[in-house]
Amino acid sequence: MSSHLYTDDVQQLYQLTAAEYKINALENQQHLTDNTISGIPDIALELHQLTTAFESGELAINELNSRLDYLLNELNISSSSMVQAY
């Protein structure tokens, strides 16, 4: 049973780290574009809503990552950009 708890902790840490990378990439993109392109999501607003929902417990970490993935896809941010942002 303790091995299972350890695995859950590692998975949780991985998901939190992945979310952090994604948030950094989105924030970096926000600074680069300054949201001047019409039709793209307001990155700051989206991130605020997502992180607030996560911190309040309304959004699970896997759902946070899914929504961050959606934003990254909408903004055409690749995984290499995520590494550079961090």
PDB file of N, CA and C in Angstrom:
ATOM      1  N   MET A   1       0.818  -1.182   0.000  1.00  0.00           N
ATOM      2  CA  MET A   1       0.000   0.000   0.000  1.00  0.00           C
ATOM      3  C   MET A   1       0.871   1.258   0.000  1.00  0.00           C
ATOM      4  N   SER A   2       1.976   1.266   0.706  1.00  0.00           N
ATOM      5  CA  SER A   2       2.815   2.461   0.756  1.00  0.00           C
ATOM      6  C   SER A   2       3.435   2.747  -0.600  1.00  0.00           C
ATOM      7  N   SER A   3       3.705   1.716  -1.391  1.00  0.00           N
ATOM      8  CA  SER A   3       4.225   1.901  -2.744  1.00  0.00           C
ATOM      9  C   SER A   3       3.192   2.609  -3.615  1.00  0.00           C
ATOM     10  N   HIS A   4       1.929   2.263  -3.431  1.00  0.00           N
ATOM     11  CA  HIS A   4       0.847   2.894  -4.184  1.00  0.00           C
ATOM     12  C   HIS A   4       0.747   4.374  -3.829  1.00  0.00           C
ATOM     13  N   LEU A   5       0.868   4.707  -2.558  1.00  0.00           N
ATOM     14  CA  LEU A   5       0.822   6.109  -2.137  1.00  0.00           C
ATOM     15  C   LEU A   5       1.989   6.881  -2.725  1.00  0.00           C
ATOM     16  N   TYR A   6       3.157   6.261  -2.762  1.00  0.00           N
ATOM     17  CA  TYR A   6       4.336   6.903  -3.341  1.00  0.00           C
ATOM     18  C   TYR A   6       4.106   7.184  -4.820  1.00  0.00           C
ATOM     19  N   THR A   7       3.540   6.209  -5.530  1.00  0.00           N
ATOM     20  CA  THR A   7       3.250   6.374  -6.956  1.00  0.00           C
ATOM     21  C   THR A   7       2.276   7.520  -7.173  1.00  0.00           C
ATOM     22  N   ASP A   8       1.251   7.619  -6.340  1.00  0.00           N
ATOM     23  CA  ASP A   8       0.292   8.719  -6.444  1.00  0.00           C
ATOM     24  C   ASP A   8       0.971  10.062  -6.214  1.00  0.00           C
ATOM     25  N   ASP A   9       1.877  10.127  -5.236  1.00  0.00           N
ATOM     26  CA  ASP A   9       2.606  11.367  -4.957  1.00  0.00           C
ATOM     27  C   ASP A   9       3.482  11.773  -6.135  1.00  0.00           C
ATOM     28  N   VAL A  10       4.155  10.801  -6.733  1.00  0.00           N
ATOM     29  CA  VAL A  10       5.015  11.080  -7.886  1.00  0.00           C
ATOM     30  C   VAL A  10       4.168  11.567  -9.060  1.00  0.00           C
ATOM     31  N   GLN A  11       3.036  10.932  -9.283  1.00  0.00           N
ATOM     32  CA  GLN A  11       2.157  11.347 -10.374  1.00  0.00           C
ATOM     33  C   GLN A  11       1.626  12.762 -10.130  1.00  0.00           C
ATOM     34  N   GLN A  12       1.256  13.065  -8.905  1.00  0.00           N
ATOM     35  CA  GLN A  12       0.769  14.405  -8.554  1.00  0.00           C
ATOM     36  C   GLN A  12       1.867  15.437  -8.784  1.00  0.00           C
ATOM     37  N   LEU A  13       3.080  15.124  -8.372  1.00  0.00           N
ATOM     38  CA  LEU A  13       4.209  16.034  -8.568  1.00  0.00           C
ATOM     39  C   LEU A  13       4.472  16.249 -10.050  1.00  0.00           C
ATOM     40  N   TYR A  14       4.408  15.186 -10.832  1.00  0.00           N
ATOM     41  CA  TYR A  14       4.605  15.301 -12.279  1.00  0.00           C
ATOM     42  C   TYR A  14       3.544  16.217 -12.889  1.00  0.00           C
ATOM     43  N   GLN A  15       2.298  16.030 -12.509  1.00  0.00           N
ATOM     44  CA  GLN A  15       1.219  16.841 -13.066  1.00  0.00           C
ATOM     45  C   GLN A  15       1.349  18.307 -12.656  1.00  0.00           C
ATOM     46  N   LEU A  16       1.765  18.557 -11.424  1.00  0.00           N
ATOM     47  CA  LEU A  16       1.976  19.938 -10.978  1.00  0.00           C
ATOM     48  C   LEU A  16       3.126  20.588 -11.739  1.00  0.00           C
ATOM     49  N   THR A  17       4.202  19.829 -11.949  1.00  0.00           N
ATOM     50  CA  THR A  17       5.352  20.349 -12.698  1.00  0.00           C
ATOM     51  C   THR A  17       4.964  20.632 -14.143  1.00  0.00           C
ATOM     52  N   ALA A  18       4.202  19.737 -14.742  1.00  0.00           N
ATOM     53  CA  ALA A  18       3.743  19.945 -16.119  1.00  0.00           C
ATOM     54  C   ALA A  18       2.884  21.197 -16.212  1.00  0.00           C
ATOM     55  N   ALA A  19       1.994  21.392 -15.254  1.00  0.00           N
ATOM     56  CA  ALA A  19       1.149  22.589 -15.248  1.00  0.00           C
ATOM     57  C   ALA A  19       1.998  23.846 -15.115  1.00  0.00           C
ATOM     58  N   GLU A  20       3.022  23.785 -14.275  1.00  0.00           N
ATOM     59  CA  GLU A  20       3.908  24.939 -14.091  1.00  0.00           C
ATOM     60  C   GLU A  20       4.616  25.295 -15.399  1.00  0.00           C
ATOM     61  N   TYR A  21       5.122  24.300 -16.102  1.00  0.00           N
ATOM     62  CA  TYR A  21       5.771  24.536 -17.398  1.00  0.00           C
ATOM     63  C   TYR A  21       4.794  25.178 -18.382  1.00  0.00           C
ATOM     64  N   LYS A  22       3.589  24.657 -18.425  1.00  0.00           N
ATOM     65  CA  LYS A  22       2.586  25.165 -19.358  1.00  0.00           C
ATOM     66  C   LYS A  22       2.210  26.609 -19.028  1.00  0.00           C
ATOM     67  N   ILE A  23       2.039  26.898 -17.746  1.00  0.00           N
ATOM     68  CA  ILE A  23       1.704  28.262 -17.329  1.00  0.00           C
ATOM     69  C   ILE A  23       2.834  29.213 -17.699  1.00  0.00           C
ATOM     70  N   ASN A  24       4.077  28.795 -17.472  1.00  0.00           N
ATOM     71  CA  ASN A  24       5.221  29.643 -17.843  1.00  0.00           C
ATOM     72  C   ASN A  24       5.256  29.903 -19.342  1.00  0.00           C
ATOM     73  N   ALA A  25       4.974  28.885 -20.141  1.00  0.00           N
ATOM     74  CA  ALA A  25       4.963  29.059 -21.599  1.00  0.00           C
ATOM     75  C   ALA A  25       3.862  30.021 -22.020  1.00  0.00           C
ATOM     76  N   LEU A  26       2.699  29.908 -21.400  1.00  0.00           N
ATOM     77  CA  LEU A  26       1.594  30.808 -21.723  1.00  0.00           C
ATOM     78  C   LEU A  26       1.903  32.243 -21.303  1.00  0.00           C
ATOM     79  N   GLU A  27       2.503  32.403 -20.125  1.00  0.00           N
ATOM     80  CA  GLU A  27       2.876  33.747 -19.678  1.00  0.00           C
ATOM     81  C   GLU A  27       3.928  34.348 -20.598  1.00  0.00           C
ATOM     82  N   ASN A  28       4.873  33.531 -21.037  1.00  0.00           N
ATOM     83  CA  ASN A  28       5.897  33.995 -21.968  1.00  0.00           C
ATOM     84  C   ASN A  28       5.255  34.439 -23.280  1.00  0.00           C
ATOM     85  N   GLN A  29       4.321  33.656 -23.771  1.00  0.00           N
ATOM     86  CA  GLN A  29       3.613  34.008 -25.006  1.00  0.00           C
ATOM     87  C   GLN A  29       2.842  35.312 -24.833  1.00  0.00           C
ATOM     88  N   GLN A  30       2.264  35.495 -23.664  1.00  0.00           N
ATOM     89  CA  GLN A  30       1.514  36.726 -23.393  1.00  0.00           C
ATOM     90  C   GLN A  30       2.433  37.940 -23.496  1.00  0.00           C
ATOM     91  N   HIS A  31       3.638  37.821 -22.954  1.00  0.00           N
ATOM     92  CA  HIS A  31       4.589  38.932 -23.016  1.00  0.00           C
ATOM     93  C   HIS A  31       5.046  39.190 -24.445  1.00  0.00           C
ATOM     94  N   LEU A  32       5.180  38.131 -25.235  1.00  0.00           N
ATOM     95  CA  LEU A  32       5.632  38.281 -26.620  1.00  0.00           C
ATOM     96  C   LEU A  32       4.574  38.915 -27.512  1.00  0.00           C
ATOM     97  N   THR A  33       3.328  38.480 -27.353  1.00  0.00           N
ATOM     98  CA  THR A  33       2.266  38.974 -28.237  1.00  0.00           C
ATOM     99  C   THR A  33       1.538  40.162 -27.648  1.00  0.00           C
ATOM    100  N   ASP A  34       1.580  40.291 -26.338  1.00  0.00           N
ATOM    101  CA  ASP A  34       0.865  41.357 -25.630  1.00  0.00           C
ATOM    102  C   ASP A  34      -0.624  41.335 -25.972  1.00  0.00           C
ATOM    103  N   ASN A  35      -1.107  40.148 -26.385  1.00  0.00           N
ATOM    104  CA  ASN A  35      -2.521  39.944 -26.725  1.00  0.00           C
ATOM    105  C   ASN A  35      -3.043  40.947 -27.740  1.00  0.00           C
ATOM    106  N   THR A  36      -2.196  41.363 -28.673  1.00  0.00           N
ATOM    107  CA  THR A  36      -2.625  42.327 -29.683  1.00  0.00           C
ATOM    108  C   THR A  36      -3.276  41.664 -30.885  1.00  0.00           C
ATOM    109  N   ILE A  37      -3.169  40.363 -30.987  1.00  0.00           N
ATOM    110  CA  ILE A  37      -3.767  39.643 -32.110  1.00  0.00           C
ATOM    111  C   ILE A  37      -5.220  39.334 -31.756  1.00  0.00           C
ATOM    112  N   SER A  38      -6.131  39.790 -32.589  1.00  0.00           N
ATOM    113  CA  SER A  38      -7.536  39.523 -32.289  1.00  0.00           C
ATOM    114  C   SER A  38      -7.834  38.051 -32.527  1.00  0.00           C
ATOM    115  N   GLY A  39      -8.788  37.566 -31.789  1.00  0.00           N
ATOM    116  CA  GLY A  39      -9.182  36.179 -31.957  1.00  0.00           C
ATOM    117  C   GLY A  39      -8.448  35.202 -31.064  1.00  0.00           C
ATOM    118  N   ILE A  40      -7.403  35.651 -30.356  1.00  0.00           N
ATOM    119  CA  ILE A  40      -6.726  34.733 -29.437  1.00  0.00           C
ATOM    120  C   ILE A  40      -7.278  34.954 -28.036  1.00  0.00           C
ATOM    121  N   PRO A  41      -7.255  33.936 -27.222  1.00  0.00           N
ATOM    122  CA  PRO A  41      -7.777  34.079 -25.862  1.00  0.00           C
ATOM    123  C   PRO A  41      -6.967  35.092 -25.055  1.00  0.00           C
ATOM    124  N   ASP A  42      -7.613  35.740 -24.104  1.00  0.00           N
ATOM    125  CA  ASP A  42      -6.923  36.621 -23.167  1.00  0.00           C
ATOM    126  C   ASP A  42      -6.182  35.710 -22.188  1.00  0.00           C
ATOM    127  N   ILE A  43      -4.893  35.573 -22.402  1.00  0.00           N
ATOM    128  CA  ILE A  43      -4.092  34.603 -21.650  1.00  0.00           C
ATOM    129  C   ILE A  43      -4.134  34.886 -20.154  1.00  0.00           C
ATOM    130  N   ALA A  44      -3.962  36.144 -19.769  1.00  0.00           N
ATOM    131  CA  ALA A  44      -3.948  36.491 -18.345  1.00  0.00           C
ATOM    132  C   ALA A  44      -5.274  36.130 -17.685  1.00  0.00           C
ATOM    133  N   LEU A  45      -6.370  36.442 -18.348  1.00  0.00           N
ATOM    134  CA  LEU A  45      -7.691  36.135 -17.799  1.00  0.00           C
ATOM    135  C   LEU A  45      -7.901  34.629 -17.702  1.00  0.00           C
ATOM    136  N   GLU A  46      -7.554  33.920 -18.756  1.00  0.00           N
ATOM    137  CA  GLU A  46      -7.704  32.460 -18.760  1.00  0.00           C
ATOM    138  C   GLU A  46      -6.883  31.823 -17.636  1.00  0.00           C
ATOM    139  N   LEU A  47      -5.622  32.248 -17.499  1.00  0.00           N
ATOM    140  CA  LEU A  47      -4.758  31.687 -16.455  1.00  0.00           C
ATOM    141  C   LEU A  47      -5.289  32.007 -15.067  1.00  0.00           C
ATOM    142  N   HIS A  48      -5.777  33.220 -14.891  1.00  0.00           N
ATOM    143  CA  HIS A  48      -6.327  33.609 -13.587  1.00  0.00           C
ATOM    144  C   HIS A  48      -7.529  32.732 -13.234  1.00  0.00           C
ATOM    145  N   GLN A  49      -8.422  32.550 -14.183  1.00  0.00           N
ATOM    146  CA  GLN A  49      -9.608  31.734 -13.928  1.00  0.00           C
ATOM    147  C   GLN A  49      -9.235  30.281 -13.630  1.00  0.00           C
ATOM    148  N   LEU A  50      -8.299  29.745 -14.399  1.00  0.00           N
ATOM    149  CA  LEU A  50      -7.897  28.353 -14.201  1.00  0.00           C
ATOM    150  C   LEU A  50      -7.187  28.145 -12.872  1.00  0.00           C
ATOM    151  N   THR A  51      -6.241  29.026 -12.552  1.00  0.00           N
ATOM    152  CA  THR A  51      -5.500  28.843 -11.300  1.00  0.00           C
ATOM    153  C   THR A  51      -6.391  29.089 -10.089  1.00  0.00           C
ATOM    154  N   THR A  52      -7.313  30.031 -10.199  1.00  0.00           N
ATOM    155  CA  THR A  52      -8.249  30.274  -9.101  1.00  0.00           C
ATOM    156  C   THR A  52      -9.131  29.048  -8.874  1.00  0.00           C
ATOM    157  N   ALA A  53      -9.633  28.471  -9.957  1.00  0.00           N
ATOM    158  CA  ALA A  53     -10.472  27.271  -9.845  1.00  0.00           C
ATOM    159  C   ALA A  53      -9.678  26.102  -9.264  1.00  0.00           C
ATOM    160  N   PHE A  54      -8.421  25.965  -9.669  1.00  0.00           N
ATOM    161  CA  PHE A  54      -7.583  24.884  -9.144  1.00  0.00           C
ATOM    162  C   PHE A  54      -7.305  25.089  -7.657  1.00  0.00           C
ATOM    163  N   GLU A  55      -6.921  26.309  -7.290  1.00  0.00           N
ATOM    164  CA  GLU A  55      -6.588  26.588  -5.892  1.00  0.00           C
ATOM    165  C   GLU A  55      -7.791  26.432  -4.969  1.00  0.00           C
ATOM    166  N   SER A  56      -8.992  26.694  -5.478  1.00  0.00           N
ATOM    167  CA  SER A  56     -10.192  26.569  -4.650  1.00  0.00           C
ATOM    168  C   SER A  56     -10.725  25.136  -4.609  1.00  0.00           C
ATOM    169  N   GLY A  57     -10.121  24.257  -5.396  1.00  0.00           N
ATOM    170  CA  GLY A  57     -10.548  22.864  -5.410  1.00  0.00           C
ATOM    171  C   GLY A  57     -11.660  22.568  -6.399  1.00  0.00           C
ATOM    172  N   GLU A  58     -12.067  23.564  -7.184  1.00  0.00           N
ATOM    173  CA  GLU A  58     -13.122  23.363  -8.174  1.00  0.00           C
ATOM    174  C   GLU A  58     -12.621  22.613  -9.404  1.00  0.00           C
ATOM    175  N   LEU A  59     -11.303  22.584  -9.575  1.00  0.00           N
ATOM    176  CA  LEU A  59     -10.697  21.997 -10.765  1.00  0.00           C
ATOM    177  C   LEU A  59      -9.579  21.058 -10.324  1.00  0.00           C
ATOM    178  N   ALA A  60      -9.644  19.815 -10.757  1.00  0.00           N
ATOM    179  CA  ALA A  60      -8.598  18.836 -10.432  1.00  0.00           C
ATOM    180  C   ALA A  60      -7.366  19.101 -11.291  1.00  0.00           C
ATOM    181  N   ILE A  61      -6.218  18.609 -10.851  1.00  0.00           N
ATOM    182  CA  ILE A  61      -4.956  18.863 -11.553  1.00  0.00           C
ATOM    183  C   ILE A  61      -4.983  18.312 -12.983  1.00  0.00           C
ATOM    184  N   ASN A  62      -5.593  17.161 -13.200  1.00  0.00           N
ATOM    185  CA  ASN A  62      -5.646  16.614 -14.560  1.00  0.00           C
ATOM    186  C   ASN A  62      -6.514  17.482 -15.470  1.00  0.00           C
ATOM    187  N   GLU A  63      -7.581  18.055 -14.940  1.00  0.00           N
ATOM    188  CA  GLU A  63      -8.429  18.957 -15.724  1.00  0.00           C
ATOM    189  C   GLU A  63      -7.701  20.275 -15.988  1.00  0.00           C
ATOM    190  N   LEU A  64      -6.949  20.767 -15.008  1.00  0.00           N
ATOM    191  CA  LEU A  64      -6.139  21.972 -15.205  1.00  0.00           C
ATOM    192  C   LEU A  64      -5.167  21.754 -16.357  1.00  0.00           C
ATOM    193  N   ASN A  65      -4.471  20.632 -16.346  1.00  0.00           N
ATOM    194  CA  ASN A  65      -3.524  20.329 -17.421  1.00  0.00           C
ATOM    195  C   ASN A  65      -4.228  20.213 -18.772  1.00  0.00           C
ATOM    196  N   SER A  66      -5.399  19.623 -18.805  1.00  0.00           N
ATOM    197  CA  SER A  66      -6.148  19.509 -20.062  1.00  0.00           C
ATOM    198  C   SER A  66      -6.519  20.882 -20.606  1.00  0.00           C
ATOM    199  N   ARG A  67      -6.950  21.756 -19.739  1.00  0.00           N
ATOM    200  CA  ARG A  67      -7.333  23.101 -20.188  1.00  0.00           C
ATOM    201  C   ARG A  67      -6.109  23.922 -20.590  1.00  0.00           C
ATOM    202  N   LEU A  68      -5.000  23.717 -19.896  1.00  0.00           N
ATOM    203  CA  LEU A  68      -3.759  24.389 -20.297  1.00  0.00           C
ATOM    204  C   LEU A  68      -3.297  23.870 -21.657  1.00  0.00           C
ATOM    205  N   ASP A  69      -3.427  22.564 -21.880  1.00  0.00           N
ATOM    206  CA  ASP A  69      -3.093  21.982 -23.187  1.00  0.00           C
ATOM    207  C   ASP A  69      -3.942  22.616 -24.285  1.00  0.00           C
ATOM    208  N   TYR A  70      -5.219  22.812 -23.999  1.00  0.00           N
ATOM    209  CA  TYR A  70      -6.113  23.432 -24.976  1.00  0.00           C
ATOM    210  C   TYR A  70      -5.629  24.847 -25.316  1.00  0.00           C
ATOM    211  N   LEU A  71      -5.280  25.633 -24.299  1.00  0.00           N
ATOM    212  CA  LEU A  71      -4.777  26.992 -24.550  1.00  0.00           C
ATOM    213  C   LEU A  71      -3.487  26.967 -25.355  1.00  0.00           C
ATOM    214  N   LEU A  72      -2.584  26.074 -24.991  1.00  0.00           N
ATOM    215  CA  LEU A  72      -1.325  25.958 -25.733  1.00  0.00           C
ATOM    216  C   LEU A  72      -1.595  25.625 -27.200  1.00  0.00           C
ATOM    217  N   ASN A  73      -2.530  24.730 -27.425  1.00  0.00           N
ATOM    218  CA  ASN A  73      -2.890  24.349 -28.787  1.00  0.00           C
ATOM    219  C   ASN A  73      -3.521  25.527 -29.534  1.00  0.00           C
ATOM    220  N   GLU A  74      -4.408  26.258 -28.879  1.00  0.00           N
ATOM    221  CA  GLU A  74      -5.057  27.411 -29.505  1.00  0.00           C
ATOM    222  C   GLU A  74      -4.044  28.476 -29.911  1.00  0.00           C
ATOM    223  N   LEU A  75      -2.979  28.596 -29.147  1.00  0.00           N
ATOM    224  CA  LEU A  75      -1.962  29.613 -29.408  1.00  0.00           C
ATOM    225  C   LEU A  75      -0.778  29.059 -30.197  1.00  0.00           C
ATOM    226  N   ASN A  76      -0.884  27.793 -30.614  1.00  0.00           N
ATOM    227  CA  ASN A  76       0.190  27.142 -31.379  1.00  0.00           C
ATOM    228  C   ASN A  76       1.534  27.205 -30.666  1.00  0.00           C
ATOM    229  N   ILE A  77       1.522  26.954 -29.378  1.00  0.00           N
ATOM    230  CA  ILE A  77       2.760  26.927 -28.603  1.00  0.00           C
ATOM    231  C   ILE A  77       3.236  25.484 -28.548  1.00  0.00           C
ATOM    232  N   SER A  78       4.437  25.251 -29.049  1.00  0.00           N
ATOM    233  CA  SER A  78       4.984  23.894 -29.107  1.00  0.00           C
ATOM    234  C   SER A  78       5.691  23.541 -27.805  1.00  0.00           C
ATOM    235  N   SER A  79       6.020  22.277 -27.652  1.00  0.00           N
ATOM    236  CA  SER A  79       6.721  21.829 -26.449  1.00  0.00           C
ATOM    237  C   SER A  79       8.112  22.438 -26.362  1.00  0.00           C
ATOM    238  N   SER A  80       8.748  22.729 -27.497  1.00  0.00           N
ATOM    239  CA  SER A  80      10.074  23.360 -27.440  1.00  0.00           C
ATOM    240  C   SER A  80       9.967  24.779 -26.895  1.00  0.00           C
ATOM    241  N   SER A  81       8.876  25.461 -27.184  1.00  0.00           N
ATOM    242  CA  SER A  81       8.659  26.791 -26.622  1.00  0.00           C
ATOM    243  C   SER A  81       8.464  26.710 -25.115  1.00  0.00           C
ATOM    244  N   MET A  82       7.839  25.619 -24.661  1.00  0.00           N
ATOM    245  CA  MET A  82       7.629  25.456 -23.227  1.00  0.00           C
ATOM    246  C   MET A  82       8.957  25.326 -22.504  1.00  0.00           C
ATOM    247  N   VAL A  83       9.891  24.602 -23.077  1.00  0.00           N
ATOM    248  CA  VAL A  83      11.203  24.430 -22.448  1.00  0.00           C
ATOM    249  C   VAL A  83      11.927  25.767 -22.396  1.00  0.00           C
ATOM    250  N   GLN A  84      11.864  26.536 -23.477  1.00  0.00           N
ATOM    251  CA  GLN A  84      12.512  27.839 -23.518  1.00  0.00           C
ATOM    252  C   GLN A  84      11.881  28.802 -22.525  1.00  0.00           C
ATOM    253  N   ALA A  85      10.577  28.701 -22.316  1.00  0.00           N
ATOM    254  CA  ALA A  85       9.889  29.610 -21.405  1.00  0.00           C
ATOM    255  C   ALA A  85      10.297  29.369 -19.969  1.00  0.00           C
ATOM    256  N   TYR A  86      10.645  28.139 -19.665  1.00  0.00           N
ATOM    257  CA  TYR A  86      10.993  27.811 -18.292  1.00  0.00           C
ATOM    258  C   TYR A  86      12.455  28.055 -18.087  1.00  0.00           C
TER     259      TYR A  86
END
